Amino acid sequence: MRGSFSFKIEIVDKLFDTGVNKYNQTARVLFVDNQANVQLIFEYGVLQKEDLYKMIDEKKPINIDLCYIQNFSLEEYRLLRGISDEVRVDLIDFSAKKTFFEADDTTNFSLAHFIGNEVSFKNTYFGNGNVSFLKSKFDVLKKTDFSYAFFGKGQTNFQYASFGDANISFENSINTGDLFFVNANFGHGKVSFKNVSFGDGLVDFHYSKFGNGFKSFYKSSFDGETIDFRRVEFGDGKIDFRRVEFGDANVLFDECEAGMGRMSFKRSIFGEGKLSFTLLNFKDEITFENAEFKGGNMSFFQSNLTKLSFKSCHLNNYLDLRVRYCHTIDLSDTVIRDILDFKKGLSVVNVKELKIIGLRNLGKIILDWRENKVEELIEHQTANVFEKSEQYRILKENFRNTGQYNDEDEAYVKFKRYELKYLHNERIKKGGVNKVTAYPIKWGKELLFDKMGNYATSPLRVLFSMFVIYVLFSFLFLLMIHTGHGDLKPGFDPPEQMSEITLSFYHSAITLLTIGYGDYSPWGIIRFISSLEGFVGLFMMSYFTVAFVRKILR
């Protein structure tokens, strides 16, 4: 029976045949809804706990499929047999498929030693009372099976349980109370919690250890307040949390460790609770691709990772990405509605590659161009020219919104440089005349916009460029005069006596600055050169005004 229905027990004097064993009494379990209407009826053979204790004494395989057992307790068994509380009890090839356990206090399998080929509690229903597998040991060759099991509203305890290297399945099981796997050891077999309903209780895997097998929580759901995986050792092998619904629980993965094996939260749904992944030590990738975040703050503070991916996510929450080390953080096609924090904290934030291709930033990205080495984050990518251009554009807009105007200038220059490369490549692809003119256009723009003014982000560079232009024209005038290709004649009498070099530099200055006193007029080819310098001077002064005002207004 899968569900949270209540139930009633009726014991009748009727022979029940399980196909393996026969029982004199039958337990009729009536599952009822909230209106006390009977929904389902199941029948079980009534097995007295004393008879089960005798089976344990015989040291033979135990099959109690389809049985109803009340108040079973290995603690009581040890007391009756005079066995120390710390001695394990052997349960050989234990099978309790479709069995119904009920207890006034606890169904107790603590310090059980399951041995043989397989242990099965498949489709087993644990009704009233707690369930304890405290310090149990599963030495089985093939599989430990709790699939489709139902754990009631009491506490279910697998603390310090050791599952060996056989495969372990809790697939499709339901838990409605608190569930503890604290310090449990899952060995190297495949571990499956696929499609498990963990209910509204506490779920605690604190300090548990997993081996190198595949770990799956695929499509499981949590409705409680806390999901605790702190300090879990996941070993090698993939870890699958895809399509998990975490509800509004606080999800804690602090100080977890994992070797080579990707952890996936693809398409999972996180609610309003805190999401903490601080101080992780993972050698492989963690991906949240297409996951949904409803608002709970999330932290990877001081974690060590190889890759962290939020590709195609909608991040409606504060996300602390102040990692100790992560080679690649992928935020491609992500929508940011809150804050992404890369700002240096207690330690240096060491990220080698940041992918923000297609990112839509409706919030803020807190990072510093120099502290976070932003240029290296983009340059280390294998992205094409257009993708790098777009990423620098996104950063430029972010820096403007956060008031980091110097960083905005850095990003803007990189954006324009990559944009120029992209447009240049597109012209070459068109062929024909475009291919012929592509290089002169590119070189001209690089000289005019980049080299001479850093795309209007540096007034000092514009001034320096003006000075270089002034000197070049001055020497050009001197060359023309010295070689007789032109002259600078006085417009007043008597003329002031100046050397050729002084005259050349003077004429260049008043022409570049468009002053035009008229005391000396150009002759010959110098007329055309003077006209050109006047135009260049007008352009450069406008260029300087734009760059200077841009700085002042911000």
Protein backbone atom coordinates (compact mmCIF):
# COMPACT_ATOMS: atom_id res chain seq x y z
CA MET A 1 0.00 0.00 0.00
CA ARG A 2 1.50 3.33 -1.12
CA GLY A 3 0.14 6.39 0.60
CA SER A 4 -0.40 8.04 3.95
CA PHE A 5 -3.74 6.40 4.67
CA SER A 6 -4.59 5.27 8.18
CA PHE A 7 -5.36 1.62 8.76
CA LYS A 8 -7.27 -0.78 10.99
CA ILE A 9 -6.27 -4.33 11.91
CA GLU A 10 -8.67 -7.25 12.20
CA ILE A 11 -7.36 -10.67 13.33
CA VAL A 12 -9.56 -13.58 12.27
CA ASP A 13 -9.23 -17.34 12.81
CA LYS A 14 -8.71 -18.21 9.21
CA LEU A 15 -5.94 -20.30 7.60
CA PHE A 16 -3.54 -18.23 5.50
CA ASP A 17 -1.20 -19.86 2.98
CA THR A 18 1.70 -17.73 1.66
CA GLY A 19 2.87 -20.45 -0.70
CA VAL A 20 5.87 -21.05 1.53
CA ASN A 21 4.34 -21.15 5.00
CA LYS A 22 0.85 -21.65 6.46
CA TYR A 23 -0.57 -19.67 9.38
CA ASN A 24 -3.62 -20.38 11.53
CA GLN A 25 -4.74 -16.77 11.69
CA THR A 26 -5.23 -14.05 9.12
CA ALA A 27 -4.71 -10.33 9.64
CA ARG A 28 -7.03 -8.16 7.59
CA VAL A 29 -5.58 -4.67 7.17
CA LEU A 30 -8.15 -2.08 6.17
CA PHE A 31 -6.72 1.13 4.74
CA VAL A 32 -9.12 4.03 5.22
CA ASP A 33 -9.20 7.64 4.06
CA ASN A 34 -9.82 10.79 6.11
CA GLN A 35 -13.55 10.12 6.10
CA ALA A 36 -13.01 6.60 7.51
CA ASN A 37 -14.03 5.04 4.22
CA VAL A 38 -12.32 1.74 3.47
CA GLN A 39 -10.21 2.08 0.33
CA LEU A 40 -8.21 -1.17 0.24
CA ILE A 41 -8.06 -4.42 2.14
CA PHE A 42 -4.94 -6.59 2.37
CA GLU A 43 -4.61 -9.93 4.09
CA TYR A 44 -1.52 -11.31 5.81
CA GLY A 45 -0.65 -14.45 7.71
CA VAL A 46 -0.31 -13.72 11.44
CA LEU A 47 3.20 -14.62 12.63
CA GLN A 48 3.90 -14.38 16.34
CA LYS A 49 7.20 -12.72 17.21
CA GLU A 50 8.14 -15.73 19.38
CA ASP A 51 7.87 -17.99 16.32
CA LEU A 52 10.16 -15.63 14.41
CA TYR A 53 12.64 -15.72 17.30
CA LYS A 54 12.68 -19.54 16.97
CA MET A 55 13.43 -19.22 13.23
CA ILE A 56 16.40 -17.04 14.13
CA ASP A 57 17.58 -19.71 16.60
CA GLU A 58 17.61 -22.34 13.84
CA LYS A 59 20.24 -20.42 11.81
CA LYS A 60 18.39 -21.19 8.60
CA PRO A 61 17.06 -18.98 5.79
CA ILE A 62 14.11 -16.93 6.99
CA ASN A 63 11.11 -16.28 4.76
CA ILE A 64 8.28 -14.28 6.32
CA ASP A 65 6.72 -12.94 3.12
CA LEU A 66 3.08 -11.83 3.41
CA CYS A 67 3.14 -11.94 7.22
CA TYR A 68 1.76 -9.63 9.87
CA ILE A 69 4.16 -9.27 12.84
CA GLN A 70 3.65 -7.15 15.91
CA ASN A 71 6.31 -5.78 18.28
CA PHE A 72 9.27 -7.61 16.71
CA SER A 73 12.48 -6.64 18.51
CA LEU A 74 16.02 -8.00 18.35
CA GLU A 75 16.64 -6.14 21.60
CA GLU A 76 13.98 -8.28 23.25
CA TYR A 77 15.36 -11.37 21.50
CA ARG A 78 18.81 -10.79 23.01
CA LEU A 79 17.28 -10.26 26.44
CA LEU A 80 15.28 -13.50 26.21
CA ARG A 81 18.28 -15.49 24.98
CA GLY A 82 20.75 -13.93 27.40
CA ILE A 83 22.84 -12.39 24.61
CA SER A 84 24.90 -9.25 25.16
CA ASP A 85 23.43 -6.00 23.85
CA GLU A 86 26.46 -5.50 21.60
CA VAL A 87 26.35 -8.91 19.87
CA ARG A 88 24.99 -9.04 16.33
CA VAL A 89 22.16 -11.44 15.52
CA ASP A 90 22.51 -13.41 12.27
CA LEU A 91 19.55 -13.27 9.87
CA ILE A 92 20.18 -15.61 6.94
CA ASP A 93 18.67 -14.89 3.50
CA PHE A 94 16.06 -12.77 5.21
CA SER A 95 12.95 -12.20 3.08
CA ALA A 96 10.05 -10.05 4.26
CA LYS A 97 8.33 -9.17 0.99
CA LYS A 98 4.88 -7.62 1.33
CA THR A 99 5.14 -8.03 5.09
CA PHE A 100 3.40 -5.81 7.63
CA PHE A 101 5.36 -4.75 10.76
CA GLU A 102 3.65 -2.91 13.58
CA ALA A 103 4.89 -1.97 17.04
CA ASP A 104 3.70 -0.19 20.16
CA ASP A 105 7.17 1.35 20.37
CA THR A 106 9.82 0.17 17.87
CA THR A 107 10.19 -2.51 15.23
CA ASN A 108 13.77 -3.24 16.15
CA PHE A 109 16.39 -4.70 13.82
CA SER A 110 19.29 -2.97 15.60
CA LEU A 111 22.64 -4.81 15.34
CA ALA A 112 21.13 -7.29 12.90
CA HIS A 113 23.61 -9.19 10.75
CA PHE A 114 21.98 -9.92 7.41
CA ILE A 115 23.89 -12.60 5.50
CA GLY A 116 23.29 -14.63 2.37
CA ASN A 117 22.49 -13.82 -1.25
CA GLU A 118 19.80 -11.19 -0.73
CA VAL A 119 17.85 -9.25 1.88
CA SER A 120 14.38 -8.13 0.87
CA PHE A 121 11.86 -5.83 2.50
CA LYS A 122 10.24 -5.12 -0.87
CA ASN A 123 6.68 -3.77 -0.59
CA THR A 124 6.93 -4.06 3.19
CA TYR A 125 4.72 -1.81 5.30
CA PHE A 126 6.08 -0.48 8.59
CA GLY A 127 2.99 0.75 10.42
CA ASN A 128 2.73 2.23 13.90
CA GLY A 129 5.89 2.81 15.91
CA ASN A 130 9.51 3.58 15.13
CA VAL A 131 11.75 1.47 12.92
CA SER A 132 15.36 0.82 13.86
CA PHE A 133 18.18 -0.71 11.84
CA LEU A 134 20.75 0.93 14.11
CA LYS A 135 24.23 -0.51 13.51
CA SER A 136 22.82 -3.25 11.30
CA LYS A 137 25.18 -4.97 8.92
CA PHE A 138 24.19 -6.22 5.47
CA ASP A 139 26.67 -8.87 4.29
CA VAL A 140 24.80 -9.97 1.18
CA LEU A 141 26.10 -10.95 -2.23
CA LYS A 142 23.45 -9.55 -4.56
CA LYS A 143 21.03 -6.95 -3.25
CA THR A 144 19.54 -5.24 -0.22
CA ASP A 145 16.01 -4.38 -1.28
CA PHE A 146 13.72 -1.85 0.43
CA SER A 147 11.95 -0.86 -2.80
CA TYR A 148 8.29 0.14 -2.51
CA ALA A 149 8.58 -0.05 1.29
CA PHE A 150 6.41 2.21 3.44
CA PHE A 151 7.83 3.75 6.63
CA GLY A 152 5.21 5.25 8.94
CA LYS A 153 5.15 8.45 10.96
CA GLY A 154 7.61 7.21 13.56
CA GLN A 155 11.36 7.65 13.39
CA THR A 156 13.22 5.42 10.92
CA ASN A 157 16.81 4.88 11.98
CA PHE A 158 19.64 3.48 9.82
CA GLN A 159 22.39 5.18 11.82
CA TYR A 160 25.77 3.44 11.63
CA ALA A 161 24.29 0.80 9.32
CA SER A 162 26.79 -0.95 7.06
CA PHE A 163 25.39 -2.04 3.70
CA GLY A 164 28.41 -3.79 2.20
CA ASP A 165 29.19 -3.76 -1.52
CA ALA A 166 25.93 -5.27 -2.80
CA ASN A 167 23.41 -3.11 -4.65
CA ILE A 168 21.00 -1.21 -2.40
CA SER A 169 17.52 -0.15 -3.44
CA PHE A 170 15.02 2.11 -1.71
CA GLU A 171 13.32 2.86 -5.04
CA ASN A 172 9.71 4.06 -4.88
CA SER A 173 9.64 3.81 -1.09
CA ILE A 174 7.69 6.23 1.11
CA ASN A 175 8.81 7.77 4.37
CA THR A 176 6.48 9.92 6.45
CA GLY A 177 8.56 10.51 9.59
CA ASP A 178 12.14 11.45 10.41
CA LEU A 179 14.74 9.40 8.53
CA PHE A 180 18.33 8.94 9.73
CA PHE A 181 21.29 7.55 7.80
CA VAL A 182 23.85 9.32 9.99
CA ASN A 183 27.27 7.63 9.69
CA ALA A 184 25.82 4.93 7.43
CA ASN A 185 28.26 3.15 5.12
CA PHE A 186 26.89 2.24 1.69
CA GLY A 187 29.87 0.40 0.21
CA HIS A 188 30.74 0.28 -3.51
CA GLY A 189 27.50 -1.12 -4.91
CA LYS A 190 24.80 0.80 -6.76
CA VAL A 191 22.67 2.82 -4.33
CA SER A 192 19.21 3.85 -5.48
CA PHE A 193 16.79 6.21 -3.76
CA LYS A 194 15.02 6.75 -7.07
CA ASN A 195 11.48 8.16 -6.90
CA VAL A 196 11.42 8.09 -3.10
CA SER A 197 8.89 10.20 -1.21
CA PHE A 198 10.81 11.41 1.85
CA GLY A 199 7.77 13.07 3.37
CA ASP A 200 7.70 16.02 5.76
CA GLY A 201 10.20 14.75 8.33
CA LEU A 202 13.88 15.41 8.84
CA VAL A 203 16.15 13.59 6.35
CA ASP A 204 19.67 13.20 7.70
CA PHE A 205 22.62 11.57 5.87
CA HIS A 206 25.14 13.45 8.01
CA TYR A 207 28.64 11.83 7.96
CA SER A 208 27.48 8.91 5.79
CA LYS A 209 29.85 7.31 3.28
CA PHE A 210 29.23 6.10 -0.25
CA GLY A 211 31.57 3.97 -2.32
CA ASN A 212 32.35 4.07 -6.03
CA GLY A 213 28.98 2.88 -7.33
CA PHE A 214 26.26 4.94 -8.98
CA LYS A 215 24.18 6.96 -6.48
CA SER A 216 20.66 7.92 -7.56
CA PHE A 217 17.98 10.13 -5.99
CA TYR A 218 16.28 10.63 -9.37
CA LYS A 219 12.74 12.10 -9.16
CA SER A 220 12.62 11.89 -5.37
CA SER A 221 10.66 14.44 -3.36
CA PHE A 222 11.17 16.13 0.02
CA ASP A 223 8.53 18.01 2.00
CA GLY A 224 10.34 18.51 5.31
CA GLU A 225 12.24 21.45 6.75
CA THR A 226 15.79 20.05 6.55
CA ILE A 227 17.70 17.80 4.15
CA ASP A 228 21.11 17.16 5.65
CA PHE A 229 24.01 15.76 3.59
CA ARG A 230 26.73 17.60 5.51
CA ARG A 231 30.19 16.00 5.50
CA VAL A 232 29.05 13.10 3.36
CA GLU A 233 31.79 11.23 1.45
CA PHE A 234 30.34 10.37 -1.95
CA GLY A 235 33.36 8.47 -3.27
CA ASP A 236 33.75 7.98 -7.02
CA GLY A 237 30.87 7.33 -9.40
CA LYS A 238 28.02 9.51 -10.60
CA ILE A 239 25.60 11.16 -8.16
CA ASP A 240 22.14 11.71 -9.59
CA PHE A 241 19.76 14.28 -8.07
CA ARG A 242 17.97 15.00 -11.37
CA ARG A 243 14.33 16.14 -11.24
CA VAL A 244 14.29 16.08 -7.44
CA GLU A 245 11.71 18.28 -5.70
CA PHE A 246 13.31 19.74 -2.58
CA GLY A 247 10.28 21.72 -1.44
CA ASP A 248 11.09 24.63 0.88
CA ALA A 249 13.61 22.62 2.88
CA ASN A 250 17.02 23.86 3.97
CA VAL A 251 19.34 21.77 1.78
CA LEU A 252 22.77 21.24 3.36
CA PHE A 253 25.76 19.76 1.50
CA ASP A 254 28.46 21.56 3.50
CA GLU A 255 31.95 20.01 3.57
CA CYS A 256 31.00 17.08 1.33
CA GLU A 257 33.68 15.25 -0.61
CA ALA A 258 33.59 13.35 -3.90
CA GLY A 259 36.13 11.89 -6.28
CA MET A 260 35.65 11.37 -10.00
CA GLY A 261 31.94 11.32 -10.61
CA ARG A 262 29.62 14.06 -11.78
CA MET A 263 26.83 15.29 -9.48
CA SER A 264 23.71 16.34 -11.37
CA PHE A 265 20.75 18.45 -10.16
CA LYS A 266 19.33 18.91 -13.68
CA ARG A 267 15.71 20.09 -13.72
CA SER A 268 15.46 19.86 -9.94
CA ILE A 269 13.23 22.29 -8.05
CA PHE A 270 14.48 24.23 -5.03
CA GLY A 271 12.12 26.26 -2.86
CA GLU A 272 12.51 29.06 -0.34
CA GLY A 273 14.90 27.25 2.01
CA LYS A 274 18.65 27.85 2.38
CA LEU A 275 20.87 25.97 -0.07
CA SER A 276 24.34 25.49 1.38
CA PHE A 277 27.23 23.89 -0.50
CA THR A 278 30.07 25.56 1.41
CA LEU A 279 33.54 24.04 1.77
CA LEU A 280 32.88 21.30 -0.79
CA ASN A 281 35.78 19.30 -2.10
CA PHE A 282 34.73 17.82 -5.47
CA LYS A 283 37.08 16.60 -8.16
CA ASP A 284 34.42 16.56 -10.85
CA GLU A 285 31.49 18.64 -12.10
CA ILE A 286 28.33 19.74 -10.32
CA THR A 287 25.56 20.76 -12.71
CA PHE A 288 22.24 22.50 -12.03
CA GLU A 289 21.30 22.78 -15.70
CA ASN A 290 17.64 23.84 -16.14
CA ALA A 291 17.05 23.68 -12.38
CA GLU A 292 14.40 25.93 -10.83
CA PHE A 293 15.21 28.22 -7.89
CA LYS A 294 12.31 29.93 -6.12
CA GLY A 295 14.25 32.19 -3.80
CA GLY A 296 16.36 30.43 -1.19
CA ASN A 297 19.89 31.85 -0.84
CA MET A 298 22.60 29.55 -2.15
CA SER A 299 26.29 29.38 -1.21
CA PHE A 300 29.45 27.71 -2.56
CA PHE A 301 31.69 29.73 -0.28
CA GLN A 302 35.31 28.44 -0.16
CA SER A 303 34.49 25.26 -2.09
CA ASN A 304 36.92 23.37 -4.31
CA LEU A 305 35.39 22.24 -7.61
CA THR A 306 36.37 21.38 -11.14
CA LYS A 307 33.25 22.71 -12.85
CA LEU A 308 30.02 24.30 -11.68
CA SER A 309 27.20 24.71 -14.20
CA PHE A 310 23.99 26.74 -13.91
CA LYS A 311 23.33 26.61 -17.64
CA SER A 312 19.79 27.62 -18.64
CA CYS A 313 18.71 28.29 -15.04
CA HIS A 314 16.50 31.08 -13.69
CA LEU A 315 18.35 32.30 -10.62
CA ASN A 316 15.83 34.11 -8.43
CA ASN A 317 18.09 33.88 -5.40
CA TYR A 318 21.32 35.28 -4.00
CA LEU A 319 24.15 33.00 -5.15
CA ASP A 320 27.50 33.08 -3.34
CA LEU A 321 30.18 31.98 -5.82
CA ARG A 322 33.20 32.99 -3.72
CA VAL A 323 34.80 29.60 -4.26
CA ARG A 324 38.28 28.74 -3.16
CA TYR A 325 38.90 27.14 -6.55
CA CYS A 326 36.77 26.26 -9.56
CA HIS A 327 38.21 25.81 -13.02
CA THR A 328 34.96 26.59 -14.88
CA ILE A 329 31.72 28.27 -13.84
CA ASP A 330 29.11 28.06 -16.61
CA LEU A 331 26.25 30.59 -16.51
CA SER A 332 25.36 30.31 -20.20
CA ASP A 333 21.74 31.14 -21.12
CA THR A 334 21.02 31.86 -17.46
CA VAL A 335 18.61 34.52 -16.21
CA ILE A 336 19.81 36.41 -13.12
CA ARG A 337 17.18 38.17 -11.03
CA ASP A 338 19.14 38.67 -7.81
CA ILE A 339 22.86 38.82 -6.94
CA LEU A 340 25.78 36.67 -8.06
CA ASP A 341 28.67 37.26 -5.69
CA PHE A 342 32.28 36.73 -6.79
CA LYS A 343 33.73 39.41 -4.52
CA LYS A 344 36.86 38.44 -2.61
CA GLY A 345 36.06 37.38 0.95
CA LEU A 346 38.24 35.57 3.49
CA SER A 347 40.22 33.95 0.69
CA VAL A 348 41.08 34.64 -2.93
CA VAL A 349 38.33 33.66 -5.37
CA ASN A 350 40.17 31.46 -7.84
CA VAL A 351 38.15 30.83 -11.01
CA LYS A 352 39.90 30.07 -14.30
CA GLU A 353 36.99 30.29 -16.72
CA LEU A 354 33.61 32.05 -16.53
CA LYS A 355 31.03 31.40 -19.25
CA ILE A 356 28.19 33.92 -19.50
CA ILE A 357 27.20 33.35 -23.14
CA GLY A 358 23.55 34.30 -23.60
CA LEU A 359 23.19 35.42 -19.97
CA ARG A 360 20.35 37.84 -19.21
CA ASN A 361 21.21 39.96 -16.23
CA LEU A 362 18.21 41.45 -14.45
CA GLY A 363 20.09 41.57 -11.15
CA LYS A 364 23.74 42.19 -10.32
CA ILE A 365 27.04 40.34 -10.71
CA ILE A 366 29.42 41.44 -7.98
CA LEU A 367 32.99 41.02 -9.17
CA ASP A 368 36.09 43.15 -9.68
CA TRP A 369 37.95 43.37 -13.00
CA ARG A 370 41.38 43.06 -11.42
CA GLU A 371 40.73 41.03 -8.27
CA ASN A 372 38.74 38.42 -10.19
CA LYS A 373 41.01 38.61 -13.26
CA VAL A 374 37.94 38.97 -15.45
CA GLU A 375 39.89 39.24 -18.69
CA GLU A 376 41.48 35.83 -18.06
CA LEU A 377 38.07 34.32 -17.22
CA ILE A 378 36.87 35.13 -20.74
CA GLU A 379 40.12 34.70 -22.65
CA HIS A 380 40.64 31.14 -21.38
CA GLN A 381 37.44 30.04 -23.10
CA THR A 382 37.27 28.20 -26.40
CA ALA A 383 34.35 30.47 -27.36
CA ASN A 384 34.34 32.15 -30.77
CA VAL A 385 34.93 35.87 -31.36
CA PHE A 386 31.22 36.80 -31.32
CA GLU A 387 30.57 34.92 -28.07
CA LYS A 388 33.48 36.62 -26.34
CA SER A 389 32.28 39.99 -27.63
CA GLU A 390 28.80 39.37 -26.18
CA GLN A 391 30.19 38.31 -22.82
CA TYR A 392 32.25 41.48 -22.51
CA ARG A 393 29.15 43.49 -23.46
CA ILE A 394 27.16 41.81 -20.66
CA LEU A 395 29.94 42.58 -18.18
CA LYS A 396 30.14 46.18 -19.41
CA GLU A 397 26.43 46.71 -18.72
CA ASN A 398 26.73 45.01 -15.33
CA PHE A 399 29.66 47.22 -14.29
CA ARG A 400 27.70 50.30 -15.33
CA ASN A 401 24.72 49.20 -13.22
CA THR A 402 26.93 48.58 -10.18
CA GLY A 403 28.76 51.91 -10.56
CA GLN A 404 32.14 50.30 -11.35
CA TYR A 405 32.95 52.73 -14.14
CA ASN A 406 36.65 51.93 -14.51
CA ASP A 407 35.76 48.25 -14.82
CA GLU A 408 33.04 49.21 -17.29
CA ASP A 409 35.68 50.91 -19.45
CA GLU A 410 37.89 47.82 -19.39
CA ALA A 411 34.99 45.59 -20.45
CA TYR A 412 33.82 48.08 -23.08
CA VAL A 413 37.24 48.22 -24.76
CA LYS A 414 37.41 44.39 -24.88
CA PHE A 415 33.87 44.28 -26.24
CA LYS A 416 34.66 46.76 -29.05
CA ARG A 417 37.88 44.96 -29.98
CA TYR A 418 36.13 41.61 -30.32
CA GLU A 419 33.22 43.25 -32.12
CA LEU A 420 35.70 44.68 -34.64
CA LYS A 421 37.25 41.24 -35.15
CA TYR A 422 33.81 39.73 -35.68
CA LEU A 423 32.78 42.37 -38.24
CA HIS A 424 36.12 41.95 -40.01
CA ASN A 425 35.60 38.18 -40.29
CA GLU A 426 32.08 38.69 -41.60
CA ARG A 427 33.34 41.03 -44.36
CA ILE A 428 35.94 38.50 -45.42
CA LYS A 429 33.28 35.76 -45.60
CA LYS A 430 31.24 37.90 -48.02
CA GLY A 431 34.16 37.95 -50.46
CA GLY A 432 34.50 40.26 -53.48
CA VAL A 433 35.06 43.95 -52.77
CA ASN A 434 34.33 43.41 -49.08
CA LYS A 435 37.30 41.08 -48.82
CA VAL A 436 39.59 43.66 -50.45
CA THR A 437 38.46 46.52 -48.20
CA ALA A 438 38.22 44.46 -44.99
CA TYR A 439 41.82 44.94 -43.86
CA PRO A 440 42.12 48.71 -44.52
CA ILE A 441 38.84 49.28 -42.67
CA LYS A 442 39.99 47.13 -39.77
CA TRP A 443 43.40 48.80 -39.55
CA GLY A 444 41.88 52.27 -39.82
CA LYS A 445 39.38 51.63 -37.01
CA GLU A 446 42.03 50.07 -34.82
CA LEU A 447 44.25 53.12 -35.23
CA LEU A 448 41.54 55.76 -34.95
CA PHE A 449 39.31 54.34 -32.22
CA ASP A 450 41.50 51.96 -30.27
CA LYS A 451 45.10 53.13 -30.41
CA MET A 452 44.37 56.86 -30.39
CA GLY A 453 41.60 56.98 -27.76
CA ASN A 454 40.97 53.52 -26.31
CA TYR A 455 37.39 53.85 -27.57
CA ALA A 456 36.93 57.23 -25.81
CA THR A 457 37.64 55.75 -22.40
CA SER A 458 40.98 57.54 -21.89
CA PRO A 459 41.19 61.34 -22.25
CA LEU A 460 44.91 61.22 -21.51
CA ARG A 461 45.47 58.83 -24.41
CA VAL A 462 43.57 61.22 -26.71
CA LEU A 463 45.77 64.10 -25.52
CA PHE A 464 48.89 62.02 -26.10
CA SER A 465 47.64 61.11 -29.57
CA MET A 466 47.08 64.81 -30.29
CA PHE A 467 50.63 65.56 -29.22
CA VAL A 468 52.01 62.83 -31.50
CA ILE A 469 49.95 64.17 -34.41
CA TYR A 470 51.16 67.70 -33.67
CA VAL A 471 54.81 66.62 -33.72
CA LEU A 472 54.38 64.58 -36.93
CA PHE A 473 52.76 67.49 -38.78
CA SER A 474 55.42 69.88 -37.43
CA PHE A 475 58.22 67.76 -38.85
CA LEU A 476 56.28 67.33 -42.10
CA PHE A 477 56.07 71.13 -42.45
CA LEU A 478 59.80 71.40 -41.68
CA LEU A 479 60.56 68.80 -44.34
CA MET A 480 58.45 70.60 -46.95
CA ILE A 481 60.11 73.96 -46.22
CA HIS A 482 63.61 72.49 -46.15
CA THR A 483 63.17 70.68 -49.46
CA GLY A 484 61.51 73.65 -51.20
CA HIS A 485 58.11 71.95 -51.73
CA GLY A 486 56.32 74.64 -49.81
CA ASP A 487 56.72 77.61 -47.58
CA LEU A 488 55.20 79.55 -44.71
CA LYS A 489 55.15 83.24 -45.61
CA PRO A 490 54.57 86.09 -43.15
CA GLY A 491 51.35 88.08 -43.41
CA PHE A 492 52.69 91.13 -41.55
CA ASP A 493 55.60 93.48 -42.21
CA PRO A 494 58.13 93.44 -40.78
CA PRO A 495 57.99 89.65 -40.13
CA GLU A 496 59.17 88.17 -36.87
CA GLN A 497 62.42 86.32 -37.28
CA MET A 498 61.99 82.56 -36.52
CA SER A 499 64.00 79.54 -37.47
CA GLU A 500 62.46 76.94 -39.82
CA ILE A 501 61.89 74.44 -36.98
CA THR A 502 60.29 77.06 -34.70
CA LEU A 503 58.09 78.26 -37.55
CA SER A 504 57.05 74.72 -38.43
CA PHE A 505 56.06 73.83 -34.85
CA TYR A 506 54.28 77.18 -34.39
CA HIS A 507 52.24 76.84 -37.57
CA SER A 508 51.37 73.22 -36.70
CA ALA A 509 50.07 74.29 -33.27
CA ILE A 510 47.77 77.08 -34.44
CA THR A 511 46.51 74.89 -37.32
CA LEU A 512 45.84 71.77 -35.18
CA LEU A 513 44.05 73.85 -32.55
CA THR A 514 42.17 75.76 -35.33
CA ILE A 515 43.33 79.13 -33.95
CA GLY A 516 44.38 80.69 -37.28
CA TYR A 517 46.03 84.05 -36.37
CA GLY A 518 46.91 84.74 -39.98
CA ASP A 519 50.45 85.91 -39.22
CA TYR A 520 51.85 83.14 -41.45
CA SER A 521 50.13 81.63 -44.45
CA PRO A 522 50.97 78.33 -46.16
CA TRP A 523 52.21 78.16 -49.74
CA GLY A 524 52.50 75.25 -52.11
CA ILE A 525 51.73 71.71 -50.90
CA ILE A 526 51.80 72.93 -47.31
CA ARG A 527 48.34 74.43 -48.00
CA PHE A 528 46.84 70.94 -48.43
CA ILE A 529 48.77 69.56 -45.45
CA SER A 530 47.55 72.46 -43.28
CA SER A 531 43.95 71.82 -44.33
CA LEU A 532 44.33 68.16 -43.40
CA GLU A 533 45.84 69.02 -40.00
CA GLY A 534 43.00 71.47 -39.30
CA PHE A 535 40.44 68.73 -39.95
CA VAL A 536 42.38 66.25 -37.80
CA GLY A 537 42.68 68.84 -35.03
CA LEU A 538 38.94 69.50 -35.06
CA PHE A 539 38.26 65.75 -34.88
CA MET A 540 40.76 65.14 -32.08
CA MET A 541 39.43 67.99 -29.95
CA SER A 542 35.92 66.60 -30.33
CA TYR A 543 37.26 63.14 -29.50
CA PHE A 544 38.92 64.52 -26.36
CA THR A 545 35.74 66.37 -25.35
CA VAL A 546 33.70 63.17 -25.61
CA ALA A 547 36.21 61.14 -23.58
CA PHE A 548 36.62 63.84 -20.96
CA VAL A 549 32.90 64.57 -20.52
CA ARG A 550 32.21 60.81 -20.35
CA LYS A 551 34.54 60.57 -17.38
CA ILE A 552 33.18 63.69 -15.66
CA LEU A 553 29.50 62.82 -16.04
CA ARG A 554 30.02 59.46 -14.32
